[in-house]
Amino acid sequence: MNIGEAVRERILELCRERELSINKLCSMSGVTQSTVNNIISGRNRSATVSTIQKLCDGLGITIEEFFHSPLFRGLEQELQ
């Protein structure tokens, strides 16, 4: 798994836990639907920290809580 896949999975996981649709998350966070759709679909594999922070604000969590997940342990090295 790479960082883009981990971010995608974490967003989906947090939405499931809170019973939120992607559309509702976009409304709550102020991130455009197209941006989130691109992250979820894998077209955007490098979400910015600013976008992740906005999503966290919408979810009511800190960025530290977002990344505090087994998904981010043992990621593939990006530079080979």
N, C-alpha and C. Protein backbone atom coordinates (compact mmCIF):
# COMPACT_ATOMS: atom_id res chain seq x y z
N MET A 1 0.85 -1.18 0.00
CA MET A 1 0.00 0.00 0.00
C MET A 1 0.89 1.24 0.00
N ASN A 2 0.48 2.24 -0.78
CA ASN A 2 1.23 3.50 -0.78
C ASN A 2 0.42 4.56 -0.01
N ILE A 3 0.98 5.75 0.13
CA ILE A 3 0.36 6.79 0.94
C ILE A 3 -1.00 7.21 0.38
N GLY A 4 -1.11 7.31 -0.94
CA GLY A 4 -2.39 7.68 -1.55
C GLY A 4 -3.49 6.69 -1.25
N GLU A 5 -3.16 5.41 -1.33
CA GLU A 5 -4.13 4.36 -1.01
C GLU A 5 -4.51 4.39 0.46
N ALA A 6 -3.52 4.64 1.32
CA ALA A 6 -3.79 4.70 2.76
C ALA A 6 -4.71 5.88 3.10
N VAL A 7 -4.47 7.04 2.49
CA VAL A 7 -5.32 8.21 2.72
C VAL A 7 -6.74 7.90 2.25
N ARG A 8 -6.86 7.30 1.08
CA ARG A 8 -8.17 6.93 0.54
C ARG A 8 -8.91 6.01 1.51
N GLU A 9 -8.24 4.96 1.96
CA GLU A 9 -8.86 4.00 2.87
C GLU A 9 -9.25 4.65 4.19
N ARG A 10 -8.40 5.56 4.68
CA ARG A 10 -8.69 6.21 5.96
C ARG A 10 -9.92 7.11 5.85
N ILE A 11 -10.04 7.84 4.75
CA ILE A 11 -11.23 8.68 4.55
C ILE A 11 -12.48 7.82 4.53
N LEU A 12 -12.44 6.74 3.77
CA LEU A 12 -13.59 5.85 3.68
C LEU A 12 -13.92 5.22 5.04
N GLU A 13 -12.89 4.83 5.78
CA GLU A 13 -13.07 4.24 7.10
C GLU A 13 -13.75 5.23 8.05
N LEU A 14 -13.27 6.47 8.06
CA LEU A 14 -13.84 7.49 8.95
C LEU A 14 -15.28 7.81 8.58
N CYS A 15 -15.57 7.83 7.29
CA CYS A 15 -16.95 8.07 6.85
C CYS A 15 -17.86 6.92 7.28
N ARG A 16 -17.39 5.69 7.13
CA ARG A 16 -18.19 4.53 7.56
C ARG A 16 -18.46 4.60 9.05
N GLU A 17 -17.43 4.88 9.84
CA GLU A 17 -17.58 4.94 11.30
C GLU A 17 -18.63 5.98 11.71
N ARG A 18 -18.69 7.08 10.97
CA ARG A 18 -19.61 8.17 11.31
C ARG A 18 -20.90 8.14 10.50
N GLU A 19 -21.03 7.10 9.67
CA GLU A 19 -22.19 6.96 8.79
C GLU A 19 -22.41 8.22 7.95
N LEU A 20 -21.32 8.69 7.35
CA LEU A 20 -21.35 9.88 6.50
C LEU A 20 -21.14 9.48 5.04
N SER A 21 -21.85 10.15 4.16
CA SER A 21 -21.57 9.98 2.74
C SER A 21 -20.40 10.90 2.38
N ILE A 22 -19.80 10.62 1.25
CA ILE A 22 -18.72 11.49 0.77
C ILE A 22 -19.27 12.89 0.54
N ASN A 23 -20.47 12.98 0.01
CA ASN A 23 -21.10 14.27 -0.24
C ASN A 23 -21.25 15.07 1.06
N LYS A 24 -21.70 14.40 2.12
CA LYS A 24 -21.87 15.07 3.41
C LYS A 24 -20.51 15.52 3.96
N LEU A 25 -19.49 14.68 3.82
CA LEU A 25 -18.14 15.06 4.26
C LEU A 25 -17.69 16.32 3.53
N CYS A 26 -17.94 16.38 2.24
CA CYS A 26 -17.55 17.57 1.46
C CYS A 26 -18.25 18.82 2.00
N SER A 27 -19.53 18.70 2.28
CA SER A 27 -20.29 19.84 2.82
C SER A 27 -19.74 20.27 4.18
N MET A 28 -19.42 19.30 5.01
CA MET A 28 -18.93 19.60 6.37
C MET A 28 -17.53 20.19 6.37
N SER A 29 -16.72 19.83 5.38
CA SER A 29 -15.32 20.23 5.39
C SER A 29 -14.99 21.38 4.45
N GLY A 30 -15.87 21.66 3.51
CA GLY A 30 -15.59 22.72 2.55
C GLY A 30 -14.65 22.28 1.43
N VAL A 31 -14.39 20.99 1.32
CA VAL A 31 -13.57 20.46 0.24
C VAL A 31 -14.51 20.09 -0.91
N THR A 32 -14.14 20.44 -2.12
CA THR A 32 -15.03 20.20 -3.24
C THR A 32 -15.25 18.71 -3.46
N GLN A 33 -16.42 18.39 -3.98
CA GLN A 33 -16.78 17.01 -4.29
C GLN A 33 -15.78 16.42 -5.29
N SER A 34 -15.36 17.20 -6.26
CA SER A 34 -14.43 16.67 -7.27
C SER A 34 -13.08 16.33 -6.65
N THR A 35 -12.62 17.13 -5.72
CA THR A 35 -11.35 16.84 -5.05
C THR A 35 -11.42 15.53 -4.29
N VAL A 36 -12.48 15.36 -3.50
CA VAL A 36 -12.62 14.14 -2.71
C VAL A 36 -12.84 12.93 -3.64
N ASN A 37 -13.64 13.11 -4.67
CA ASN A 37 -13.84 12.02 -5.62
C ASN A 37 -12.53 11.59 -6.27
N ASN A 38 -11.68 12.56 -6.60
CA ASN A 38 -10.38 12.23 -7.20
C ASN A 38 -9.48 11.47 -6.22
N ILE A 39 -9.54 11.81 -4.95
CA ILE A 39 -8.76 11.08 -3.94
C ILE A 39 -9.31 9.66 -3.80
N ILE A 40 -10.62 9.54 -3.68
CA ILE A 40 -11.26 8.24 -3.47
C ILE A 40 -11.07 7.32 -4.68
N SER A 41 -11.13 7.88 -5.87
CA SER A 41 -11.01 7.06 -7.08
C SER A 41 -9.57 6.69 -7.40
N GLY A 42 -8.62 7.40 -6.77
CA GLY A 42 -7.21 7.13 -7.06
C GLY A 42 -6.63 8.01 -8.15
N ARG A 43 -7.45 8.89 -8.74
CA ARG A 43 -6.91 9.81 -9.76
C ARG A 43 -5.95 10.81 -9.15
N ASN A 44 -6.19 11.17 -7.89
CA ASN A 44 -5.28 12.06 -7.16
C ASN A 44 -4.63 11.21 -6.07
N ARG A 45 -3.36 10.87 -6.26
CA ARG A 45 -2.68 10.00 -5.30
C ARG A 45 -1.87 10.78 -4.27
N SER A 46 -1.95 12.10 -4.33
CA SER A 46 -1.15 12.90 -3.40
C SER A 46 -1.98 14.09 -2.88
N ALA A 47 -2.94 13.77 -2.05
CA ALA A 47 -3.76 14.82 -1.43
C ALA A 47 -2.85 15.74 -0.61
N THR A 48 -3.12 17.03 -0.67
CA THR A 48 -2.29 17.96 0.09
C THR A 48 -2.61 17.88 1.57
N VAL A 49 -1.67 18.31 2.37
CA VAL A 49 -1.88 18.35 3.82
C VAL A 49 -3.03 19.32 4.13
N SER A 50 -3.12 20.39 3.36
CA SER A 50 -4.20 21.36 3.55
C SER A 50 -5.57 20.72 3.33
N THR A 51 -5.69 19.90 2.30
CA THR A 51 -6.96 19.19 2.03
C THR A 51 -7.27 18.22 3.15
N ILE A 52 -6.27 17.47 3.57
CA ILE A 52 -6.48 16.51 4.66
C ILE A 52 -6.87 17.24 5.94
N GLN A 53 -6.27 18.41 6.20
CA GLN A 53 -6.63 19.19 7.38
C GLN A 53 -8.08 19.64 7.32
N LYS A 54 -8.53 20.08 6.15
CA LYS A 54 -9.93 20.50 6.01
C LYS A 54 -10.88 19.32 6.24
N LEU A 55 -10.52 18.16 5.71
CA LEU A 55 -11.35 16.97 5.94
C LEU A 55 -11.40 16.63 7.43
N CYS A 56 -10.25 16.74 8.09
CA CYS A 56 -10.20 16.49 9.54
C CYS A 56 -11.07 17.48 10.29
N ASP A 57 -11.02 18.74 9.90
CA ASP A 57 -11.86 19.75 10.55
C ASP A 57 -13.33 19.39 10.40
N GLY A 58 -13.72 18.95 9.20
CA GLY A 58 -15.10 18.55 8.96
C GLY A 58 -15.50 17.34 9.78
N LEU A 59 -14.55 16.43 9.99
CA LEU A 59 -14.81 15.22 10.77
C LEU A 59 -14.71 15.46 12.28
N GLY A 60 -14.16 16.61 12.66
CA GLY A 60 -14.00 16.92 14.08
C GLY A 60 -12.86 16.17 14.72
N ILE A 61 -11.81 15.89 13.93
CA ILE A 61 -10.63 15.20 14.47
C ILE A 61 -9.38 16.01 14.14
N THR A 62 -8.30 15.69 14.82
CA THR A 62 -7.03 16.33 14.51
C THR A 62 -6.33 15.57 13.39
N ILE A 63 -5.38 16.23 12.78
CA ILE A 63 -4.62 15.55 11.72
C ILE A 63 -3.82 14.39 12.31
N GLU A 64 -3.42 14.54 13.57
CA GLU A 64 -2.72 13.44 14.26
C GLU A 64 -3.64 12.22 14.37
N GLU A 65 -4.89 12.44 14.71
CA GLU A 65 -5.85 11.33 14.79
C GLU A 65 -6.07 10.69 13.43
N PHE A 66 -6.07 11.50 12.38
CA PHE A 66 -6.24 10.96 11.03
C PHE A 66 -5.13 9.96 10.71
N PHE A 67 -3.90 10.35 11.00
CA PHE A 67 -2.76 9.49 10.65
C PHE A 67 -2.46 8.43 11.70
N HIS A 68 -3.14 8.46 12.83
CA HIS A 68 -2.94 7.45 13.87
C HIS A 68 -3.80 6.23 13.54
N SER A 69 -3.34 5.48 12.57
CA SER A 69 -4.07 4.31 12.08
C SER A 69 -3.08 3.29 11.58
N PRO A 70 -3.39 2.02 11.73
CA PRO A 70 -2.50 0.97 11.20
C PRO A 70 -2.27 1.09 9.69
N LEU A 71 -3.17 1.78 9.00
CA LEU A 71 -3.01 1.95 7.55
C LEU A 71 -1.69 2.64 7.20
N PHE A 72 -1.20 3.48 8.08
CA PHE A 72 -0.01 4.27 7.78
C PHE A 72 1.28 3.64 8.30
N ARG A 73 1.18 2.48 8.90
CA ARG A 73 2.37 1.78 9.36
C ARG A 73 2.88 0.88 8.25
N GLY A 74 4.14 0.89 8.02
CA GLY A 74 4.74 0.01 7.03
C GLY A 74 4.40 0.34 5.59
N LEU A 75 4.20 1.63 5.30
CA LEU A 75 3.92 2.03 3.92
C LEU A 75 5.13 1.77 3.04
N GLU A 76 4.87 1.59 1.77
CA GLU A 76 5.96 1.45 0.80
C GLU A 76 6.77 2.72 0.76
N GLN A 77 8.05 2.58 0.55
CA GLN A 77 8.90 3.74 0.40
C GLN A 77 8.58 4.40 -0.94
N GLU A 78 8.35 5.72 -0.93
CA GLU A 78 7.96 6.42 -2.14
C GLU A 78 9.12 6.61 -3.11
N LEU A 79 10.31 6.83 -2.58
CA LEU A 79 11.49 7.00 -3.43
C LEU A 79 12.22 5.68 -3.52
N GLN A 80 12.43 5.23 -4.71
CA GLN A 80 13.10 3.94 -4.90
C GLN A 80 14.47 4.15 -5.50
